[in-house]
Amino acid sequence: MDSWLSIEVLDGEFAAHSWQRAHGDNLTEAALTHGAEQWTWHVHRWGVTLEIEFATEAQRDRFRGLPAVTAALDAVPDSERGLLVYPGRGGGSGSRVPRHPRPLPRADAGAVPTPKEEVRLQLATGEPPPFQLSSGG
């Protein structure tokens, strides 16, 4: 049974691809020396995703607890909202655009009324409109 781990890093105080350049080699080396079978990086407009495949969940969990991994994850550009680590495949197998939160449903919310157009109909005749002289001042 294959066991994937996804690490998504979002842009923050600096670009996530800078974080990838600084920590990517250490993460992939740690993954390879701890049983990773394959890995792939995905670069997005909003950040980067590293997907790593291990043969077992135990190897995946041991990798996640390594000091080198913890240090890299502590150094992400946005430490409060810019890191997602989860089992399974992630950013490379889904949408290339980050999801935006939907508005919360509220009891007092209502549709905005659409403006009504005022339409004037006139019958067409075969004669031009009457000529009017304007009185100039």
C-alpha atoms as a PDB file:
ATOM      1  CA  MET A   1       0.000   0.000   0.000  1.00  0.00           C
ATOM      2  CA  ASP A   2       1.449   3.341  -1.034  1.00  0.00           C
ATOM      3  CA  SER A   3       1.259   6.212   1.395  1.00  0.00           C
ATOM      4  CA  TRP A   4       1.540   9.789   0.154  1.00  0.00           C
ATOM      5  CA  LEU A   5       2.350  12.922   2.113  1.00  0.00           C
ATOM      6  CA  SER A   6       1.599  16.397   0.730  1.00  0.00           C
ATOM      7  CA  ILE A   7       3.231  19.605   1.936  1.00  0.00           C
ATOM      8  CA  GLU A   8       1.674  22.793   0.556  1.00  0.00           C
ATOM      9  CA  VAL A   9       3.493  26.065   1.224  1.00  0.00           C
ATOM     10  CA  LEU A  10       1.745  29.333   0.377  1.00  0.00           C
ATOM     11  CA  ASP A  11       3.384  32.664  -0.404  1.00  0.00           C
ATOM     12  CA  GLY A  12       3.702  35.002   2.571  1.00  0.00           C
ATOM     13  CA  GLU A  13       6.395  37.460   3.689  1.00  0.00           C
ATOM     14  CA  PHE A  14       8.463  36.049   0.824  1.00  0.00           C
ATOM     15  CA  ALA A  15       7.716  33.772  -2.126  1.00  0.00           C
ATOM     16  CA  ALA A  16       7.247  30.069  -1.469  1.00  0.00           C
ATOM     17  CA  HIS A  17       9.585  29.187  -4.343  1.00  0.00           C
ATOM     18  CA  SER A  18      12.384  30.882  -2.346  1.00  0.00           C
ATOM     19  CA  TRP A  19      11.535  28.569   0.548  1.00  0.00           C
ATOM     20  CA  GLN A  20      11.671  25.634  -1.904  1.00  0.00           C
ATOM     21  CA  ARG A  21      15.159  26.664  -3.058  1.00  0.00           C
ATOM     22  CA  ALA A  22      16.359  26.972   0.534  1.00  0.00           C
ATOM     23  CA  HIS A  23      14.830  23.759   1.953  1.00  0.00           C
ATOM     24  CA  GLY A  24      13.888  21.558  -1.005  1.00  0.00           C
ATOM     25  CA  ASP A  25      17.165  19.631  -1.210  1.00  0.00           C
ATOM     26  CA  ASN A  26      17.119  18.869   2.531  1.00  0.00           C
ATOM     27  CA  LEU A  27      13.519  17.653   2.349  1.00  0.00           C
ATOM     28  CA  THR A  28      14.071  15.406  -0.662  1.00  0.00           C
ATOM     29  CA  GLU A  29      17.310  14.006   0.818  1.00  0.00           C
ATOM     30  CA  ALA A  30      15.530  13.230   4.089  1.00  0.00           C
ATOM     31  CA  ALA A  31      12.685  11.617   2.164  1.00  0.00           C
ATOM     32  CA  LEU A  32      15.010   9.430   0.087  1.00  0.00           C
ATOM     33  CA  THR A  33      17.051   8.284   3.074  1.00  0.00           C
ATOM     34  CA  HIS A  34      13.844   7.383   4.939  1.00  0.00           C
ATOM     35  CA  GLY A  35      12.164   5.231   2.302  1.00  0.00           C
ATOM     36  CA  ALA A  36      10.551   7.583  -0.209  1.00  0.00           C
ATOM     37  CA  GLU A  37       9.796   5.865  -3.486  1.00  0.00           C
ATOM     38  CA  GLN A  38       9.099   9.002  -5.488  1.00  0.00           C
ATOM     39  CA  TRP A  39       8.438  12.697  -5.029  1.00  0.00           C
ATOM     40  CA  THR A  40       7.279  15.609  -7.126  1.00  0.00           C
ATOM     41  CA  TRP A  41       7.244  19.378  -6.753  1.00  0.00           C
ATOM     42  CA  HIS A  42       4.399  21.487  -8.129  1.00  0.00           C
ATOM     43  CA  VAL A  43       4.937  25.216  -8.523  1.00  0.00           C
ATOM     44  CA  HIS A  44       1.764  27.290  -8.454  1.00  0.00           C
ATOM     45  CA  ARG A  45       0.979  30.952  -8.829  1.00  0.00           C
ATOM     46  CA  TRP A  46       0.263  31.030  -5.070  1.00  0.00           C
ATOM     47  CA  GLY A  47       2.985  28.723  -3.704  1.00  0.00           C
ATOM     48  CA  VAL A  48       4.526  25.244  -3.997  1.00  0.00           C
ATOM     49  CA  THR A  49       3.467  21.683  -3.206  1.00  0.00           C
ATOM     50  CA  LEU A  50       5.727  18.726  -2.444  1.00  0.00           C
ATOM     51  CA  GLU A  51       4.170  15.274  -2.790  1.00  0.00           C
ATOM     52  CA  ILE A  52       6.165  12.311  -1.469  1.00  0.00           C
ATOM     53  CA  GLU A  53       5.266   8.641  -1.807  1.00  0.00           C
ATOM     54  CA  PHE A  54       6.349   6.142   0.856  1.00  0.00           C
ATOM     55  CA  ALA A  55       5.805   2.386   0.869  1.00  0.00           C
ATOM     56  CA  THR A  56       4.178   2.433   4.327  1.00  0.00           C
ATOM     57  CA  GLU A  57       2.434   4.845   6.656  1.00  0.00           C
ATOM     58  CA  ALA A  58       5.115   4.179   9.274  1.00  0.00           C
ATOM     59  CA  GLN A  59       7.846   5.484   6.916  1.00  0.00           C
ATOM     60  CA  ARG A  60       5.694   8.530   6.118  1.00  0.00           C
ATOM     61  CA  ASP A  61       5.152   9.275   9.806  1.00  0.00           C
ATOM     62  CA  ARG A  62       8.861   8.816  10.664  1.00  0.00           C
ATOM     63  CA  PHE A  63       9.788  11.261   7.883  1.00  0.00           C
ATOM     64  CA  ARG A  64       7.277  13.814   9.177  1.00  0.00           C
ATOM     65  CA  GLY A  65       8.913  13.730  12.627  1.00  0.00           C
ATOM     66  CA  LEU A  66      12.510  14.288  11.446  1.00  0.00           C
ATOM     67  CA  PRO A  67      14.297  17.415  12.783  1.00  0.00           C
ATOM     68  CA  ALA A  68      15.230  18.477   9.224  1.00  0.00           C
ATOM     69  CA  VAL A  69      11.579  18.327   8.184  1.00  0.00           C
ATOM     70  CA  THR A  70      10.401  20.181  11.281  1.00  0.00           C
ATOM     71  CA  ALA A  71      13.019  22.908  10.708  1.00  0.00           C
ATOM     72  CA  ALA A  72      11.979  23.344   7.070  1.00  0.00           C
ATOM     73  CA  LEU A  73       8.294  23.558   7.982  1.00  0.00           C
ATOM     74  CA  ASP A  74       9.046  26.083  10.728  1.00  0.00           C
ATOM     75  CA  ALA A  75      10.658  28.347   8.114  1.00  0.00           C
ATOM     76  CA  VAL A  76       7.688  28.721   5.710  1.00  0.00           C
ATOM     77  CA  PRO A  77       6.867  32.252   4.454  1.00  0.00           C
ATOM     78  CA  ASP A  78       3.562  32.491   6.360  1.00  0.00           C
ATOM     79  CA  SER A  79       3.805  30.545   9.621  1.00  0.00           C
ATOM     80  CA  GLU A  80       0.180  31.183  10.624  1.00  0.00           C
ATOM     81  CA  ARG A  81      -1.796  30.361   7.468  1.00  0.00           C
ATOM     82  CA  GLY A  82       0.719  29.317   4.844  1.00  0.00           C
ATOM     83  CA  LEU A  83       1.350  25.625   5.535  1.00  0.00           C
ATOM     84  CA  LEU A  84      -0.762  22.543   4.894  1.00  0.00           C
ATOM     85  CA  VAL A  85       0.619  19.070   5.655  1.00  0.00           C
ATOM     86  CA  TYR A  86      -1.672  16.092   5.125  1.00  0.00           C
ATOM     87  CA  PRO A  87      -1.664  12.451   4.017  1.00  0.00           C
ATOM     88  CA  GLY A  88      -2.556  11.826   0.394  1.00  0.00           C
ATOM     89  CA  ARG A  89      -1.884  13.644  -2.829  1.00  0.00           C
ATOM     90  CA  GLY A  90      -2.563  17.325  -2.879  1.00  0.00           C
ATOM     91  CA  GLY A  91      -2.025  20.433  -4.937  1.00  0.00           C
ATOM     92  CA  GLY A  92      -0.695  18.695  -8.022  1.00  0.00           C
ATOM     93  CA  SER A  93      -3.749  16.507  -8.434  1.00  0.00           C
ATOM     94  CA  GLY A  94      -6.379  19.178  -8.001  1.00  0.00           C
ATOM     95  CA  SER A  95      -7.083  22.726  -9.038  1.00  0.00           C
ATOM     96  CA  ARG A  96      -4.212  25.027  -9.978  1.00  0.00           C
ATOM     97  CA  VAL A  97      -5.954  27.978  -8.333  1.00  0.00           C
ATOM     98  CA  PRO A  98      -6.365  28.312  -4.574  1.00  0.00           C
ATOM     99  CA  ARG A  99      -9.874  27.983  -3.266  1.00  0.00           C
ATOM    100  CA  HIS A 100     -11.469  31.147  -1.970  1.00  0.00           C
ATOM    101  CA  PRO A 101     -13.855  31.056   0.972  1.00  0.00           C
ATOM    102  CA  ARG A 102     -17.500  31.333   0.081  1.00  0.00           C
ATOM    103  CA  PRO A 103     -19.681  33.940   1.778  1.00  0.00           C
ATOM    104  CA  LEU A 104     -21.401  32.636   4.883  1.00  0.00           C
ATOM    105  CA  PRO A 105     -25.155  32.139   4.557  1.00  0.00           C
ATOM    106  CA  ARG A 106     -26.987  34.664   6.679  1.00  0.00           C
ATOM    107  CA  ALA A 107     -30.620  35.105   7.589  1.00  0.00           C
ATOM    108  CA  ASP A 108     -30.601  38.820   6.749  1.00  0.00           C
ATOM    109  CA  ALA A 109     -28.964  38.359   3.359  1.00  0.00           C
ATOM    110  CA  GLY A 110     -31.071  38.952   0.313  1.00  0.00           C
ATOM    111  CA  ALA A 111     -30.689  39.359  -3.375  1.00  0.00           C
ATOM    112  CA  VAL A 112     -29.815  42.799  -4.638  1.00  0.00           C
ATOM    113  CA  PRO A 113     -32.790  44.161  -6.579  1.00  0.00           C
ATOM    114  CA  THR A 114     -32.151  44.548 -10.274  1.00  0.00           C
ATOM    115  CA  PRO A 115     -32.803  48.010 -11.702  1.00  0.00           C
ATOM    116  CA  LYS A 116     -35.925  48.248 -13.840  1.00  0.00           C
ATOM    117  CA  GLU A 117     -35.542  49.654 -17.287  1.00  0.00           C
ATOM    118  CA  GLU A 118     -38.050  52.209 -18.433  1.00  0.00           C
ATOM    119  CA  VAL A 119     -39.123  51.498 -21.969  1.00  0.00           C
ATOM    120  CA  ARG A 120     -40.992  54.031 -24.144  1.00  0.00           C
ATOM    121  CA  LEU A 121     -42.659  52.748 -27.241  1.00  0.00           C
ATOM    122  CA  GLN A 122     -43.686  54.981 -30.113  1.00  0.00           C
ATOM    123  CA  LEU A 123     -45.295  54.097 -33.340  1.00  0.00           C
ATOM    124  CA  ALA A 124     -43.158  54.663 -36.365  1.00  0.00           C
ATOM    125  CA  THR A 125     -44.516  56.794 -39.185  1.00  0.00           C
ATOM    126  CA  GLY A 126     -43.361  57.340 -42.721  1.00  0.00           C
ATOM    127  CA  GLU A 127     -42.688  61.017 -42.008  1.00  0.00           C
ATOM    128  CA  PRO A 128     -39.600  62.553 -40.429  1.00  0.00           C
ATOM    129  CA  PRO A 129     -39.987  64.088 -36.961  1.00  0.00           C
ATOM    130  CA  PRO A 130     -41.240  67.696 -36.936  1.00  0.00           C
ATOM    131  CA  PHE A 131     -38.605  70.405 -37.253  1.00  0.00           C
ATOM    132  CA  GLN A 132     -38.446  72.785 -34.301  1.00  0.00           C
ATOM    133  CA  LEU A 133     -36.703  76.101 -34.222  1.00  0.00           C
ATOM    134  CA  SER A 134     -34.909  76.841 -31.017  1.00  0.00           C
ATOM    135  CA  SER A 135     -34.971  80.392 -29.884  1.00  0.00           C
ATOM    136  CA  GLY A 136     -31.407  81.494 -29.445  1.00  0.00           C
ATOM    137  CA  GLY A 137     -30.642  84.008 -26.772  1.00  0.00           C
END
